[in-house]
Amino acid sequence: MIITHIRLQNWKNFLDAEAGLRDVTYLIGANAAGKSNFLDAFRFLRDVTKTQGGGLQKAILDRRGLSKIRCLHARRNPQIRIEAHLAENADEPHPKWRYVLALKSEAKGANRPVIAAEEVYLHENGREQNLLRRPDAEDNGDPERLTQTSLEQIQSNQAYRELVEHFGSITYLHLVPQLLKYGDFIGGRQMENDPFGQAFLERVASVSEKTRKSRLDRIQRALASAIPQFEEIRFVRDEVSGRPHLEAKYSHHRPHAGWQREDQFPDGTLRLIGLLWLLLDGDGALLLEEPELSLDEEIVRNLPLVIDRVRRSLKRRGRQILLSTHSQALLENKGIDGRAVLRLERVHEGTNILAPTENELELMHSGLSAAEVLLPKAHPRAASEMAL
């Protein structure tokens, strides 16, 4: 199952925007167009499903309050609203699930964030039925209930648990190699959900030995074709501390001199390992920001092909990918479905999400790439005038 449609109202810099999504969706746009804010809407849906140590109030608190989430251009209706559709594939005529969440500030008292509306719809046997509509009579009798979504309440979400579990399985990763290499020296607390890969090695260690070996074997084959002199990758534990490590072997005239640990890996190698691992791990949507960073241009050019091959090779349906990019090389890949590229454009009041026009799709069908047709429109218009 994938998220096929998203609508954002008063969410950060999106006053009112919506978009259809594919199995793999590419987000392009100038700096500050809102690509990270767009991805954060999916992280927010994940965060509100947490039954322990999370939920709606923490998700809002982690984003520094409702006022920091609400679009600055929201004037007539200050409610924040997210609507998400889910289906087995992007071409289904009707979504299987439709979820709506609207938020507002409490009218009196502590002025807390509360639910203005929460709705769940299930399309089954040719018709759509409403499974949840809040506020309901119980909410009216106990307004405290409106501080929590039904998604985070195990006792009340059984009828739409599939929806809850899908949102809960959303993963975000923007692996920062320095946090992984020098975590012992940097110190500091590890962020919840590990968005920057600080605990990536613990993630690798957490799966069974059989699963870990199978995944590392596949990653090894991919790395061997992309990295000169690369031969082997293995998982080890420190003999003293028991901490997990990855070691890679490179060809060398001395047979035991070619092994290196992750703190010696090039940044691009670490980011590529993290990307490949997550493509093999999990079922929910995977959110990636600029996966091209630190990677060789030719590897970047082939990333869409790598992603497609991994998704097709899995017995289960490969996870949905939403990635933001500025890369000319990545978007030059002509295997990218033109319908899968969304362009974010800043306007006078917020950001619009633009799907390719019929003319743009026709140009890409005729042999031009997304880099040629769409990327030039995503560049800042006055970039050539930038100076100090």
Protein backbone atom coordinates (compact mmCIF):
# COMPACT_ATOMS: atom_id res chain seq x y z
CA MET A 1 0.00 0.00 0.00
CA ILE A 2 1.22 3.52 -0.77
CA ILE A 3 0.15 7.08 -0.09
CA THR A 4 -1.35 8.19 -3.40
CA HIS A 5 -2.49 11.72 -2.60
CA ILE A 6 -1.76 14.43 -0.05
CA ARG A 7 -3.48 17.75 0.55
CA LEU A 8 -1.98 20.38 2.86
CA GLN A 9 -3.85 23.43 4.10
CA ASN A 10 -2.08 26.02 6.27
CA TRP A 11 0.81 23.57 6.74
CA LYS A 12 4.03 25.58 7.06
CA ASN A 13 4.54 27.32 3.70
CA PHE A 14 1.64 25.50 1.98
CA LEU A 15 -1.49 27.64 2.16
CA ASP A 16 -3.51 25.14 0.14
CA ALA A 17 -1.69 22.60 -2.02
CA GLU A 18 -2.21 19.01 -3.07
CA ALA A 19 -0.36 16.40 -5.07
CA GLY A 20 -0.70 12.90 -6.44
CA LEU A 21 2.13 10.54 -5.51
CA ARG A 22 3.68 7.55 -7.27
CA ASP A 23 5.64 4.51 -6.04
CA VAL A 24 8.72 6.74 -6.36
CA THR A 25 8.18 10.51 -6.31
CA TYR A 26 10.84 13.14 -7.02
CA LEU A 27 10.51 16.62 -5.48
CA ILE A 28 12.31 19.51 -7.13
CA GLY A 29 12.33 23.20 -6.38
CA ALA A 30 14.58 26.10 -5.44
CA ASN A 31 16.02 26.45 -1.95
CA ALA A 32 13.31 27.41 0.57
CA ALA A 33 10.55 26.27 -1.78
CA GLY A 34 9.31 23.86 0.90
CA LYS A 35 10.64 20.42 -0.01
CA SER A 36 11.63 19.63 3.59
CA ASN A 37 8.32 21.01 4.88
CA PHE A 38 6.46 18.82 2.42
CA LEU A 39 8.28 15.71 3.64
CA ASP A 40 7.70 16.76 7.24
CA ALA A 41 3.94 16.41 6.76
CA PHE A 42 4.50 12.65 6.36
CA ARG A 43 6.79 12.56 9.40
CA PHE A 44 4.03 14.33 11.34
CA LEU A 45 1.50 11.64 10.39
CA ARG A 46 4.01 9.05 11.62
CA ASP A 47 4.59 10.88 14.87
CA VAL A 48 0.92 11.24 15.81
CA THR A 49 0.44 7.45 15.62
CA LYS A 50 2.86 6.81 18.49
CA THR A 51 1.04 5.39 21.47
CA GLN A 52 4.00 5.66 23.85
CA GLY A 53 6.16 8.73 24.26
CA GLY A 54 4.57 10.42 21.30
CA GLY A 55 1.21 11.31 19.86
CA LEU A 56 -0.28 14.58 18.73
CA GLN A 57 0.92 16.85 21.53
CA LYS A 58 4.54 15.71 21.32
CA ALA A 59 4.51 15.89 17.51
CA ILE A 60 3.45 19.53 17.77
CA LEU A 61 5.86 20.26 20.64
CA ASP A 62 8.77 18.80 18.64
CA ARG A 63 7.94 21.36 15.96
CA ARG A 64 7.91 24.17 18.55
CA GLY A 65 4.16 24.66 18.71
CA LEU A 66 1.17 25.11 16.46
CA SER A 67 2.17 28.67 15.56
CA LYS A 68 5.39 27.34 13.97
CA ILE A 69 3.45 24.82 11.90
CA ARG A 70 0.66 27.12 10.75
CA CYS A 71 1.23 28.88 7.44
CA LEU A 72 2.04 32.57 7.90
CA HIS A 73 -0.40 33.39 5.11
CA ALA A 74 -3.34 31.72 6.89
CA ARG A 75 -5.85 34.47 7.62
CA ARG A 76 -9.44 33.51 6.84
CA ASN A 77 -9.30 29.99 8.28
CA PRO A 78 -6.39 29.36 10.67
CA GLN A 79 -7.00 25.60 10.97
CA ILE A 80 -4.18 23.32 9.85
CA ARG A 81 -5.47 20.45 7.74
CA ILE A 82 -3.80 17.35 6.29
CA GLU A 83 -5.63 14.86 4.10
CA ALA A 84 -3.95 11.65 2.91
CA HIS A 85 -5.22 8.92 0.57
CA LEU A 86 -3.81 5.38 0.51
CA ALA A 87 -4.26 2.62 -2.07
CA GLU A 88 -2.56 -0.52 -3.34
CA ASN A 89 -1.12 1.41 -6.29
CA ALA A 90 -1.07 4.93 -7.70
CA ASP A 91 -3.48 4.14 -10.55
CA GLU A 92 -6.37 2.88 -8.41
CA PRO A 93 -9.55 4.83 -9.30
CA HIS A 94 -10.46 5.16 -5.60
CA PRO A 95 -8.26 5.21 -2.50
CA LYS A 96 -8.75 2.35 -0.06
CA TRP A 97 -8.22 4.68 2.89
CA ARG A 98 -8.81 8.40 3.28
CA TYR A 99 -7.66 10.19 6.43
CA VAL A 100 -8.34 13.80 7.41
CA LEU A 101 -6.84 15.64 10.37
CA ALA A 102 -7.55 19.31 11.16
CA LEU A 103 -6.00 21.18 14.09
CA LYS A 104 -6.71 24.44 15.87
CA SER A 105 -5.84 26.22 19.10
CA GLU A 106 -8.10 25.76 22.10
CA ALA A 107 -10.55 28.66 22.33
CA LYS A 108 -9.99 29.19 26.04
CA GLY A 109 -7.90 28.04 28.96
CA ALA A 110 -4.38 26.85 28.18
CA ASN A 111 -4.85 27.51 24.45
CA ARG A 112 -3.61 23.99 23.70
CA PRO A 113 -3.57 22.45 20.21
CA VAL A 114 -6.76 20.42 19.77
CA ILE A 115 -8.48 18.46 17.03
CA ALA A 116 -10.90 20.50 14.91
CA ALA A 117 -11.74 17.46 12.78
CA GLU A 118 -10.57 13.87 12.37
CA GLU A 119 -12.11 11.54 9.79
CA VAL A 120 -11.37 8.06 8.46
CA TYR A 121 -12.99 6.61 5.33
CA LEU A 122 -12.68 3.10 3.91
CA HIS A 123 -13.54 2.34 0.27
CA GLU A 124 -14.70 -1.27 0.06
CA ASN A 125 -17.03 -3.25 -2.20
CA GLY A 126 -17.57 -0.29 -4.48
CA ARG A 127 -18.55 2.24 -1.84
CA GLU A 128 -16.92 4.51 0.70
CA GLN A 129 -17.94 4.24 4.33
CA ASN A 130 -17.15 6.61 7.14
CA LEU A 131 -15.47 4.84 10.09
CA LEU A 132 -14.68 7.92 12.18
CA ARG A 133 -15.90 11.48 12.38
CA ARG A 134 -14.74 13.73 15.19
CA PRO A 135 -15.61 15.70 17.23
CA ASP A 136 -18.30 13.22 18.25
CA ALA A 137 -20.67 13.00 21.20
CA GLU A 138 -17.95 11.59 23.47
CA ASP A 139 -15.61 14.44 22.55
CA ASN A 140 -18.34 16.98 23.29
CA GLY A 141 -18.85 15.38 26.68
CA ASP A 142 -15.11 15.32 27.45
CA PRO A 143 -13.14 17.99 25.56
CA GLU A 144 -9.86 16.54 26.92
CA ARG A 145 -10.25 13.80 24.30
CA LEU A 146 -9.60 16.36 21.57
CA THR A 147 -5.97 16.68 22.67
CA GLN A 148 -5.33 13.23 21.16
CA THR A 149 -5.95 11.71 17.74
CA SER A 150 -7.71 8.38 17.40
CA LEU A 151 -4.60 7.11 15.61
CA GLU A 152 -2.68 7.08 18.89
CA GLN A 153 -5.42 5.33 20.88
CA ILE A 154 -5.07 1.55 20.61
CA GLN A 155 -8.42 0.95 22.24
CA SER A 156 -10.28 2.89 19.54
CA ASN A 157 -8.37 2.42 16.26
CA GLN A 158 -8.86 -1.30 15.64
CA ALA A 159 -11.18 -0.77 12.66
CA TYR A 160 -8.48 1.19 10.80
CA ARG A 161 -5.33 -0.31 12.33
CA GLU A 162 -3.92 -0.92 8.83
CA LEU A 163 -3.92 2.83 8.25
CA VAL A 164 -2.29 3.47 11.63
CA GLU A 165 0.45 0.90 11.02
CA HIS A 166 1.22 2.31 7.58
CA PHE A 167 1.67 5.84 8.91
CA GLY A 168 3.72 4.46 11.80
CA SER A 169 6.13 2.71 9.42
CA ILE A 170 7.17 5.91 7.59
CA THR A 171 10.95 6.36 7.74
CA TYR A 172 13.03 9.49 7.21
CA LEU A 173 16.78 9.39 6.69
CA HIS A 174 19.23 12.12 5.83
CA LEU A 175 22.39 10.30 6.85
CA VAL A 176 25.14 12.64 8.11
CA PRO A 177 28.36 10.62 7.83
CA GLN A 178 30.18 12.62 10.51
CA LEU A 179 27.58 11.66 13.15
CA LEU A 180 28.14 8.01 12.32
CA LYS A 181 31.93 8.22 12.10
CA TYR A 182 32.59 10.39 15.12
CA GLY A 183 29.58 9.77 17.35
CA ASP A 184 31.79 8.69 20.25
CA PHE A 185 33.71 11.95 20.12
CA ILE A 186 30.77 14.26 19.37
CA GLY A 187 28.60 12.86 22.17
CA GLY A 188 25.21 14.45 22.74
CA ARG A 189 21.81 12.83 22.73
CA GLN A 190 20.54 10.76 19.87
CA MET A 191 17.45 12.23 18.22
CA GLU A 192 14.25 10.23 18.28
CA ASN A 193 13.73 8.14 15.11
CA ASP A 194 17.41 8.75 14.28
CA PRO A 195 16.78 10.99 11.23
CA PHE A 196 20.50 11.62 10.61
CA GLY A 197 21.80 8.06 10.90
CA GLN A 198 23.62 8.43 14.22
CA ALA A 199 22.38 4.96 15.25
CA PHE A 200 22.54 3.40 11.81
CA LEU A 201 24.91 0.65 12.98
CA GLU A 202 22.48 -0.28 15.77
CA ARG A 203 19.78 -0.55 13.10
CA VAL A 204 21.99 -2.98 11.17
CA ALA A 205 22.73 -4.93 14.37
CA SER A 206 19.05 -5.21 15.33
CA VAL A 207 18.04 -7.64 12.56
CA SER A 208 18.70 -11.36 12.57
CA GLU A 209 22.08 -12.63 11.44
CA LYS A 210 20.53 -14.31 8.40
CA THR A 211 18.72 -11.14 7.30
CA ARG A 212 21.79 -9.00 7.93
CA LYS A 213 24.04 -11.28 5.87
CA SER A 214 21.55 -11.41 3.01
CA ARG A 215 21.26 -7.62 2.87
CA LEU A 216 24.99 -7.00 3.18
CA ASP A 217 25.65 -9.52 0.39
CA ARG A 218 23.34 -7.54 -1.89
CA ILE A 219 24.88 -4.24 -0.84
CA GLN A 220 28.34 -5.73 -1.41
CA ARG A 221 27.49 -6.60 -5.01
CA ALA A 222 26.17 -3.09 -5.60
CA LEU A 223 29.22 -1.41 -4.04
CA ALA A 224 31.64 -3.63 -5.97
CA SER A 225 30.27 -2.27 -9.23
CA ALA A 226 30.30 1.36 -8.06
CA ILE A 227 33.48 1.78 -5.97
CA PRO A 228 36.97 1.14 -7.38
CA GLN A 229 38.94 -1.64 -5.64
CA PHE A 230 36.05 -2.45 -3.29
CA GLU A 231 35.85 -6.17 -2.55
CA GLU A 232 33.85 -7.05 0.56
CA ILE A 233 31.75 -5.66 3.42
CA ARG A 234 31.12 -7.37 6.74
CA PHE A 235 29.48 -6.78 10.12
CA VAL A 236 31.60 -7.17 13.28
CA ARG A 237 31.38 -6.37 16.97
CA ASP A 238 34.15 -4.79 19.00
CA GLU A 239 35.78 -7.48 21.12
CA VAL A 240 35.94 -5.21 24.18
CA SER A 241 32.86 -2.98 24.06
CA GLY A 242 30.62 -5.18 21.91
CA ARG A 243 29.69 -2.17 19.76
CA PRO A 244 28.65 -2.92 16.17
CA HIS A 245 30.84 -1.92 13.23
CA LEU A 246 30.96 -2.28 9.48
CA GLU A 247 34.23 -3.19 7.83
CA ALA A 248 35.03 -2.96 4.15
CA LYS A 249 37.87 -4.64 2.32
CA TYR A 250 39.68 -3.04 -0.58
CA SER A 251 42.14 -4.78 -2.87
CA HIS A 252 45.70 -4.46 -1.57
CA HIS A 253 49.05 -6.14 -2.24
CA ARG A 254 49.07 -7.30 1.41
CA PRO A 255 46.13 -9.67 1.97
CA HIS A 256 45.12 -8.37 5.43
CA ALA A 257 45.88 -4.69 4.94
CA GLY A 258 42.79 -3.72 2.99
CA TRP A 259 40.16 -3.76 5.78
CA GLN A 260 38.73 -0.42 6.96
CA ARG A 261 36.09 0.44 9.55
CA GLU A 262 33.22 2.86 9.01
CA ASP A 263 35.15 5.82 10.44
CA GLN A 264 37.55 5.40 7.50
CA PHE A 265 34.84 5.10 4.84
CA PRO A 266 34.38 7.98 2.39
CA ASP A 267 31.23 10.00 3.14
CA GLY A 268 29.64 8.93 -0.14
CA THR A 269 30.18 5.24 0.64
CA LEU A 270 28.43 5.62 4.01
CA ARG A 271 25.50 7.46 2.47
CA LEU A 272 25.19 4.86 -0.26
CA ILE A 273 25.25 1.98 2.25
CA GLY A 274 22.55 3.73 4.31
CA LEU A 275 20.38 4.26 1.24
CA LEU A 276 20.72 0.67 0.02
CA TRP A 277 20.04 -0.75 3.50
CA LEU A 278 16.84 1.25 3.93
CA LEU A 279 15.59 0.28 0.48
CA LEU A 280 15.75 -3.33 1.72
CA ASP A 281 14.35 -2.59 5.18
CA GLY A 282 10.70 -1.88 5.98
CA ASP A 283 7.41 -1.48 4.13
CA GLY A 284 6.37 2.10 4.79
CA ALA A 285 7.23 5.22 2.84
CA LEU A 286 10.91 6.19 2.86
CA LEU A 287 11.64 9.92 2.88
CA LEU A 288 15.01 10.97 1.47
CA GLU A 289 16.51 14.44 1.23
CA GLU A 290 19.09 14.98 -1.49
CA PRO A 291 20.45 11.43 -1.68
CA GLU A 292 22.96 12.63 -4.26
CA LEU A 293 25.14 14.39 -1.66
CA SER A 294 28.77 13.13 -1.56
CA LEU A 295 28.13 10.62 -4.37
CA ASP A 296 29.96 10.34 -7.67
CA GLU A 297 27.95 11.85 -10.50
CA GLU A 298 27.72 8.56 -12.41
CA ILE A 299 26.35 6.78 -9.32
CA VAL A 300 23.81 9.59 -8.90
CA ARG A 301 22.80 9.27 -12.54
CA ASN A 302 21.98 5.60 -11.92
CA LEU A 303 20.20 5.98 -8.57
CA PRO A 304 16.69 5.84 -10.12
CA LEU A 305 17.65 2.55 -11.80
CA VAL A 306 19.09 1.17 -8.54
CA ILE A 307 15.94 2.11 -6.62
CA ASP A 308 13.73 0.53 -9.26
CA ARG A 309 15.76 -2.69 -9.36
CA VAL A 310 15.72 -3.08 -5.57
CA ARG A 311 11.97 -2.48 -5.36
CA ARG A 312 11.26 -5.00 -8.13
CA SER A 313 13.59 -7.64 -6.65
CA LEU A 314 11.79 -7.89 -3.32
CA LYS A 315 9.18 -10.60 -2.75
CA ARG A 316 6.95 -8.10 -1.04
CA ARG A 317 6.14 -4.83 -2.77
CA GLY A 318 9.09 -2.46 -2.39
CA ARG A 319 8.61 0.54 -0.15
CA GLN A 320 7.36 3.84 -1.48
CA ILE A 321 10.07 6.48 -1.95
CA LEU A 322 9.68 10.24 -1.73
CA LEU A 323 12.93 12.07 -2.38
CA SER A 324 13.94 15.67 -2.85
CA THR A 325 16.76 16.56 -5.19
CA HIS A 326 18.61 19.38 -6.91
CA SER A 327 20.65 17.00 -9.03
CA GLN A 328 20.90 17.45 -12.78
CA ALA A 329 22.59 14.05 -13.07
CA LEU A 330 19.86 12.20 -11.19
CA LEU A 331 17.05 13.76 -13.21
CA GLU A 332 18.87 13.03 -16.48
CA ASN A 333 17.90 9.38 -16.04
CA LYS A 334 15.26 8.81 -18.72
CA GLY A 335 13.79 5.88 -16.82
CA ILE A 336 12.07 8.34 -14.47
CA ASP A 337 8.31 8.43 -14.97
CA GLY A 338 7.49 12.05 -15.75
CA ARG A 339 4.30 11.79 -13.68
CA ALA A 340 6.49 11.14 -10.64
CA VAL A 341 8.22 14.54 -10.66
CA LEU A 342 6.61 17.31 -8.60
CA ARG A 343 7.87 20.88 -8.81
CA LEU A 344 7.49 23.15 -5.78
CA GLU A 345 7.19 26.81 -6.68
CA ARG A 346 7.17 29.78 -4.32
CA VAL A 347 4.38 32.25 -5.05
CA HIS A 348 3.21 35.45 -3.36
CA GLU A 349 1.44 33.53 -0.60
CA GLY A 350 3.20 30.25 0.09
CA THR A 351 4.16 27.38 -2.19
CA ASN A 352 2.34 25.60 -4.99
CA ILE A 353 2.92 21.94 -5.91
CA LEU A 354 2.94 21.55 -9.68
CA ALA A 355 2.55 18.26 -11.50
CA PRO A 356 3.93 18.15 -15.07
CA THR A 357 1.61 19.57 -17.71
CA GLU A 358 0.41 17.50 -20.65
CA ASN A 359 2.93 19.30 -22.85
CA GLU A 360 5.78 18.57 -20.43
CA LEU A 361 4.79 14.91 -20.22
CA GLU A 362 4.69 14.71 -24.01
CA LEU A 363 8.22 16.13 -24.22
CA MET A 364 9.47 13.51 -21.76
CA HIS A 365 7.64 10.73 -23.60
CA SER A 366 9.38 11.88 -26.78
CA GLY A 367 12.81 11.29 -25.24
CA LEU A 368 13.73 14.35 -23.20
CA SER A 369 14.62 13.92 -19.52
CA ALA A 370 13.10 15.57 -16.45
CA ALA A 371 16.41 17.46 -16.12
CA GLU A 372 15.84 19.03 -19.53
CA VAL A 373 12.09 19.69 -19.26
CA LEU A 374 11.40 20.42 -15.59
CA LEU A 375 14.59 21.22 -13.70
CA PRO A 376 15.29 24.57 -15.44
CA LYS A 377 11.90 25.79 -14.18
CA ALA A 378 12.88 24.89 -10.60
CA HIS A 379 16.01 27.05 -10.52
CA PRO A 380 15.90 30.47 -8.79
CA ARG A 381 15.44 33.09 -11.49
CA ALA A 382 18.06 35.53 -10.24
CA ALA A 383 20.77 33.05 -9.22
CA SER A 384 23.21 34.44 -11.80
CA GLU A 385 23.05 37.85 -10.07
CA MET A 386 24.10 36.47 -6.68
CA ALA A 387 27.12 38.29 -5.29
CA LEU A 388 28.63 39.51 -2.02
